Amino acid sequence: MKIAVSGISGKMGRTIASLIIQDSIAELSSGLVRSSSGLEGLDLGEFLGFEKNHIFATSNLDEFVQSADAVIDFSSPALSLEIAKKCAQYKKVLVCGTTGFLDEEKQKFASYAQETPIIWSSNMSLGVNLLMNLVEKVAGILRDDFDVEILEMHHNKKIDAPSGTALSLGSAVAKGRNVDIKNSGVMARVGKEAKRNKGEIGFATLRGGDVIGDHTVIFAGEGERLELAHKASSREIFAKGAIRACIWGSAQKSGFYSMRDVLN
């Protein structure tokens, strides 16, 4: 299976592409770079520390998408929308881990799944998706008798906050409670009048160093507290999940899927 990787010069892109090169099923077909990067035409095998493989970086989006059976994209909302449009046009599977979409951007992005399989997840790891299932079940049992706070920490270069994974965990809590996260989510508490209201789902964001991703969901009750947590120590967990999603997606009909669909 041929897979093209966007943002191949970034940390996540390099990790994904390196694993694809070493995979027995998947094959790297192309890597997308900015035209201003100076990397266009670079041999990706050599760039990633392997032997030359005569597969080259490109800034041409059509060329990039057409080279593959599936595309893996961890980039920005604007670029992900462009990639999704091309994947729909050329009927290529898209696996996307981009976060930070505005509501209208996410709706537009999802609309392209009418033409091709799109697997989107804020987190591709097995552990986090298991955590989401657990959080939903626990929230359904404890209801609003326990206060819920979601704490996340990432490296100091992460742009969006709270993280997409934290927001997905919040949605899992809301689903378990059968409430709307838009009405119950509280992204920050500041000032003298910041008392917690019953039923709120709180978020706290930390940024620093090179932390790949830590997430803790706290269920705080009277006299006891339950904490469910996941800590990522390697980006490979996301890369392996993305490759697995590509292979799974190749057997699916057009539609908008999540990593939970892949793992189920």
Protein backbone atom coordinates (compact mmCIF):
# COMPACT_ATOMS: atom_id res chain seq x y z
CA MET A 1 0.00 0.00 0.00
CA LYS A 2 1.45 3.36 -1.04
CA ILE A 3 1.22 6.11 1.58
CA ALA A 4 2.08 9.80 1.17
CA VAL A 5 2.95 11.90 4.23
CA SER A 6 2.33 15.64 4.59
CA GLY A 7 4.65 17.83 6.64
CA ILE A 8 7.37 15.26 6.18
CA SER A 9 10.11 17.56 7.46
CA GLY A 10 8.40 17.97 10.87
CA LYS A 11 8.85 15.71 13.90
CA MET A 12 5.61 13.84 13.38
CA GLY A 13 6.05 13.57 9.62
CA ARG A 14 9.57 12.19 9.95
CA THR A 15 8.44 9.63 12.51
CA ILE A 16 5.56 8.43 10.33
CA ALA A 17 7.65 8.27 7.15
CA SER A 18 10.48 6.40 8.87
CA LEU A 19 8.08 3.73 10.12
CA ILE A 20 6.50 3.40 6.67
CA ILE A 21 9.92 2.80 5.10
CA GLN A 22 10.52 0.00 7.61
CA ASP A 23 7.02 -1.48 7.27
CA SER A 24 6.47 -4.78 5.45
CA ILE A 25 3.08 -3.76 4.00
CA ALA A 26 3.19 0.01 3.55
CA GLU A 27 5.38 1.87 1.05
CA LEU A 28 6.27 5.57 1.14
CA SER A 29 5.16 7.25 -2.08
CA SER A 30 5.79 10.96 -1.46
CA GLY A 31 6.31 13.67 1.13
CA LEU A 32 4.72 17.11 1.07
CA VAL A 33 6.85 20.18 1.87
CA ARG A 34 6.41 23.93 1.51
CA SER A 35 7.71 25.40 -1.74
CA SER A 36 9.78 27.82 0.36
CA SER A 37 11.40 25.06 2.44
CA GLY A 38 14.26 24.36 0.07
CA LEU A 39 13.53 20.62 0.44
CA GLU A 40 11.64 20.06 -2.81
CA GLY A 41 13.21 17.26 -4.85
CA LEU A 42 15.07 15.87 -1.84
CA ASP A 43 15.47 12.07 -1.74
CA LEU A 44 13.33 11.05 1.24
CA GLY A 45 15.22 7.86 2.00
CA GLU A 46 18.45 9.78 2.41
CA PHE A 47 16.71 12.63 4.27
CA LEU A 48 15.30 10.18 6.84
CA GLY A 49 18.61 8.42 7.41
CA PHE A 50 18.10 5.42 5.15
CA GLU A 51 19.49 4.48 1.75
CA LYS A 52 18.40 6.55 -1.25
CA ASN A 53 15.00 5.31 -2.42
CA HIS A 54 14.32 7.71 -5.31
CA ILE A 55 11.13 8.95 -3.65
CA PHE A 56 11.16 12.71 -3.54
CA ALA A 57 9.69 15.56 -1.54
CA THR A 58 7.25 17.78 -3.43
CA SER A 59 5.23 20.94 -2.91
CA ASN A 60 2.79 20.01 -5.69
CA LEU A 61 -0.40 18.92 -3.94
CA ASP A 62 -1.89 17.09 -6.93
CA GLU A 63 1.32 15.17 -7.54
CA PHE A 64 1.56 14.37 -3.83
CA VAL A 65 -1.96 12.95 -3.49
CA GLN A 66 -1.96 11.10 -6.82
CA SER A 67 1.21 9.21 -5.86
CA ALA A 68 -0.54 7.30 -3.09
CA ASP A 69 -3.33 4.94 -2.12
CA ALA A 70 -3.65 6.81 1.17
CA VAL A 71 -2.46 10.10 2.66
CA ILE A 72 -1.45 10.74 6.27
CA ASP A 73 -1.81 14.34 7.34
CA PHE A 74 -0.82 15.99 10.61
CA SER A 75 -0.66 19.66 9.64
CA SER A 76 -2.87 22.74 9.98
CA PRO A 77 -6.62 23.17 9.46
CA ALA A 78 -6.08 25.22 6.30
CA LEU A 79 -3.75 22.68 4.68
CA SER A 80 -5.82 19.71 5.86
CA LEU A 81 -8.86 21.18 4.08
CA GLU A 82 -6.87 21.43 0.85
CA ILE A 83 -5.58 17.88 1.22
CA ALA A 84 -9.07 16.53 1.99
CA LYS A 85 -10.43 18.21 -1.14
CA LYS A 86 -7.74 16.58 -3.29
CA CYS A 87 -8.23 13.17 -1.64
CA ALA A 88 -11.94 13.41 -2.42
CA GLN A 89 -11.16 14.40 -6.01
CA TYR A 90 -8.74 11.52 -6.58
CA LYS A 91 -10.55 8.97 -4.34
CA LYS A 92 -7.67 8.48 -1.94
CA VAL A 93 -7.98 7.40 1.69
CA LEU A 94 -7.17 10.22 4.11
CA VAL A 95 -5.96 9.68 7.67
CA CYS A 96 -5.82 13.01 9.49
CA GLY A 97 -4.68 13.94 12.99
CA THR A 98 -4.90 17.71 12.60
CA THR A 99 -6.54 19.59 15.49
CA GLY A 100 -7.64 23.18 15.97
CA PHE A 101 -10.45 23.22 13.40
CA LEU A 102 -13.18 25.82 13.80
CA ASP A 103 -16.69 24.34 13.70
CA GLU A 104 -17.33 25.48 10.13
CA GLU A 105 -13.91 24.18 9.03
CA LYS A 106 -14.60 20.78 10.59
CA GLN A 107 -17.96 20.58 8.82
CA LYS A 108 -16.34 21.40 5.47
CA PHE A 109 -13.57 18.88 6.14
CA ALA A 110 -16.07 16.13 6.98
CA SER A 111 -18.10 16.87 3.84
CA TYR A 112 -15.30 15.48 1.67
CA ALA A 113 -15.94 12.06 3.22
CA GLN A 114 -18.92 11.74 0.89
CA GLU A 115 -16.39 10.97 -1.84
CA THR A 116 -13.69 8.94 -0.05
CA PRO A 117 -12.91 7.31 3.31
CA ILE A 118 -11.61 9.86 5.82
CA ILE A 119 -10.37 8.76 9.23
CA TRP A 120 -9.97 11.68 11.60
CA SER A 121 -8.87 11.46 15.21
CA SER A 122 -7.34 13.93 17.64
CA ASN A 123 -5.14 11.06 18.81
CA MET A 124 -4.16 7.92 16.91
CA SER A 125 -2.79 5.90 19.83
CA LEU A 126 -4.38 2.69 21.11
CA GLY A 127 -4.02 3.83 24.73
CA VAL A 128 -5.79 7.16 24.32
CA ASN A 129 -8.68 5.62 22.41
CA LEU A 130 -9.05 3.00 25.14
CA LEU A 131 -8.98 5.87 27.66
CA MET A 132 -11.83 7.59 25.79
CA ASN A 133 -13.96 4.44 26.05
CA LEU A 134 -13.22 4.13 29.77
CA VAL A 135 -13.94 7.82 30.41
CA GLU A 136 -17.30 7.61 28.66
CA LYS A 137 -18.30 4.55 30.71
CA VAL A 138 -17.16 6.03 34.03
CA ALA A 139 -18.92 9.34 33.29
CA GLY A 140 -22.13 7.45 32.56
CA ILE A 141 -21.92 5.66 35.91
CA LEU A 142 -20.88 8.61 38.10
CA ARG A 143 -23.02 11.21 36.26
CA ASP A 144 -22.68 14.69 37.78
CA ASP A 145 -22.26 13.39 41.35
CA PHE A 146 -18.52 13.69 40.62
CA ASP A 147 -16.89 16.85 39.27
CA VAL A 148 -14.79 16.32 36.13
CA GLU A 149 -11.59 18.19 35.30
CA ILE A 150 -9.37 17.39 32.32
CA LEU A 151 -5.69 18.26 32.64
CA GLU A 152 -3.37 18.20 29.63
CA MET A 153 0.28 19.08 29.05
CA HIS A 154 2.23 19.39 25.80
CA HIS A 155 5.53 20.80 24.53
CA ASN A 156 6.07 24.54 24.41
CA LYS A 157 5.58 24.78 20.63
CA LYS A 158 2.03 23.42 20.48
CA ILE A 159 -0.31 26.06 19.08
CA ASP A 160 -3.88 25.05 19.95
CA ALA A 161 -5.27 24.79 23.48
CA PRO A 162 -6.86 22.81 24.96
CA SER A 163 -5.44 19.96 22.90
CA GLY A 164 -7.66 18.11 20.48
CA THR A 165 -7.28 15.00 22.62
CA ALA A 166 -8.43 16.88 25.74
CA LEU A 167 -11.48 18.14 23.85
CA SER A 168 -12.23 14.60 22.65
CA LEU A 169 -11.98 13.35 26.24
CA GLY A 170 -14.38 16.11 27.26
CA SER A 171 -16.78 14.98 24.54
CA ALA A 172 -16.50 11.42 25.88
CA VAL A 173 -17.49 12.67 29.34
CA ALA A 174 -20.41 14.61 27.86
CA LYS A 175 -21.56 11.60 25.85
CA GLY A 176 -21.45 9.41 28.96
CA ARG A 177 -23.53 11.98 30.83
CA ASN A 178 -25.82 12.55 27.83
CA VAL A 179 -25.16 16.31 27.78
CA ASP A 180 -23.80 18.78 25.21
CA ILE A 181 -20.11 19.64 25.68
CA LYS A 182 -20.76 23.08 24.18
CA ASN A 183 -23.00 23.90 27.14
CA SER A 184 -21.04 22.16 29.90
CA GLY A 185 -17.39 22.68 28.90
CA VAL A 186 -15.37 25.34 30.76
CA MET A 187 -12.02 26.09 29.14
CA ALA A 188 -10.57 28.25 31.94
CA ARG A 189 -11.36 29.78 35.31
CA VAL A 190 -10.10 33.29 35.98
CA GLY A 191 -11.07 36.03 38.42
CA LYS A 192 -12.90 36.40 41.70
CA GLU A 193 -16.17 34.97 40.38
CA ALA A 194 -14.91 31.63 39.07
CA LYS A 195 -16.78 29.19 41.27
CA ARG A 196 -17.45 25.79 39.73
CA ASN A 197 -21.04 25.02 38.81
CA LYS A 198 -22.53 21.55 39.09
CA GLY A 199 -22.19 19.51 35.92
CA GLU A 200 -19.33 21.51 34.42
CA ILE A 201 -16.57 19.74 32.51
CA GLY A 202 -13.42 21.72 33.22
CA PHE A 203 -10.20 21.96 31.21
CA ALA A 204 -6.72 22.98 32.32
CA THR A 205 -3.82 23.46 29.90
CA LEU A 206 -0.08 23.25 30.59
CA ARG A 207 2.73 23.93 28.11
CA GLY A 208 6.45 23.36 28.57
CA GLY A 209 9.61 21.60 27.45
CA ASP A 210 9.34 18.70 25.03
CA VAL A 211 6.34 16.89 26.52
CA ILE A 212 4.78 14.77 23.76
CA GLY A 213 1.37 14.55 25.41
CA ASP A 214 -0.01 13.90 28.91
CA HIS A 215 -3.74 13.72 29.62
CA THR A 216 -5.53 13.11 32.92
CA VAL A 217 -9.28 12.98 33.49
CA ILE A 218 -10.12 13.61 37.14
CA PHE A 219 -13.44 12.52 38.66
CA ALA A 220 -13.60 14.28 42.03
CA GLY A 221 -16.27 13.29 44.53
CA GLU A 222 -16.89 13.75 48.23
CA GLY A 223 -14.11 11.92 50.07
CA GLU A 224 -12.62 10.24 47.00
CA ARG A 225 -11.11 10.96 43.62
CA LEU A 226 -10.63 8.82 40.52
CA GLU A 227 -7.97 9.71 37.94
CA LEU A 228 -7.66 8.13 34.51
CA ALA A 229 -4.46 9.09 32.69
CA HIS A 230 -2.38 8.53 29.58
CA LYS A 231 1.20 9.68 29.03
CA ALA A 232 2.89 9.46 25.63
CA SER A 233 6.63 8.83 25.68
CA SER A 234 7.12 8.39 21.92
CA ARG A 235 5.53 9.81 18.77
CA GLU A 236 5.73 6.33 17.29
CA ILE A 237 2.45 5.40 18.99
CA PHE A 238 0.63 7.98 16.85
CA ALA A 239 2.52 6.97 13.71
CA LYS A 240 1.74 3.27 14.13
CA GLY A 241 -1.92 4.08 14.66
CA ALA A 242 -2.01 6.24 11.53
CA ILE A 243 -0.47 3.51 9.37
CA ARG A 244 -2.94 0.99 10.78
CA ALA A 245 -5.78 3.39 9.95
CA CYS A 246 -4.59 3.67 6.33
CA ILE A 247 -4.67 -0.09 5.87
CA TRP A 248 -8.10 -0.31 7.52
CA GLY A 249 -9.43 2.62 5.49
CA SER A 250 -8.47 1.00 2.19
CA ALA A 251 -11.20 -1.60 2.75
CA GLN A 252 -13.93 0.90 3.67
CA LYS A 253 -16.59 2.74 1.71
CA SER A 254 -16.66 6.53 1.58
CA GLY A 255 -17.48 7.93 5.00
CA PHE A 256 -16.21 9.86 8.00
CA TYR A 257 -14.58 7.54 10.54
CA SER A 258 -12.67 7.82 13.79
CA MET A 259 -9.81 5.86 15.31
CA ARG A 260 -12.35 4.16 17.52
CA ASP A 261 -13.90 2.68 14.36
CA VAL A 262 -10.48 1.39 13.31
CA LEU A 263 -9.80 -0.24 16.68
CA ASN A 264 -13.28 -1.76 16.94
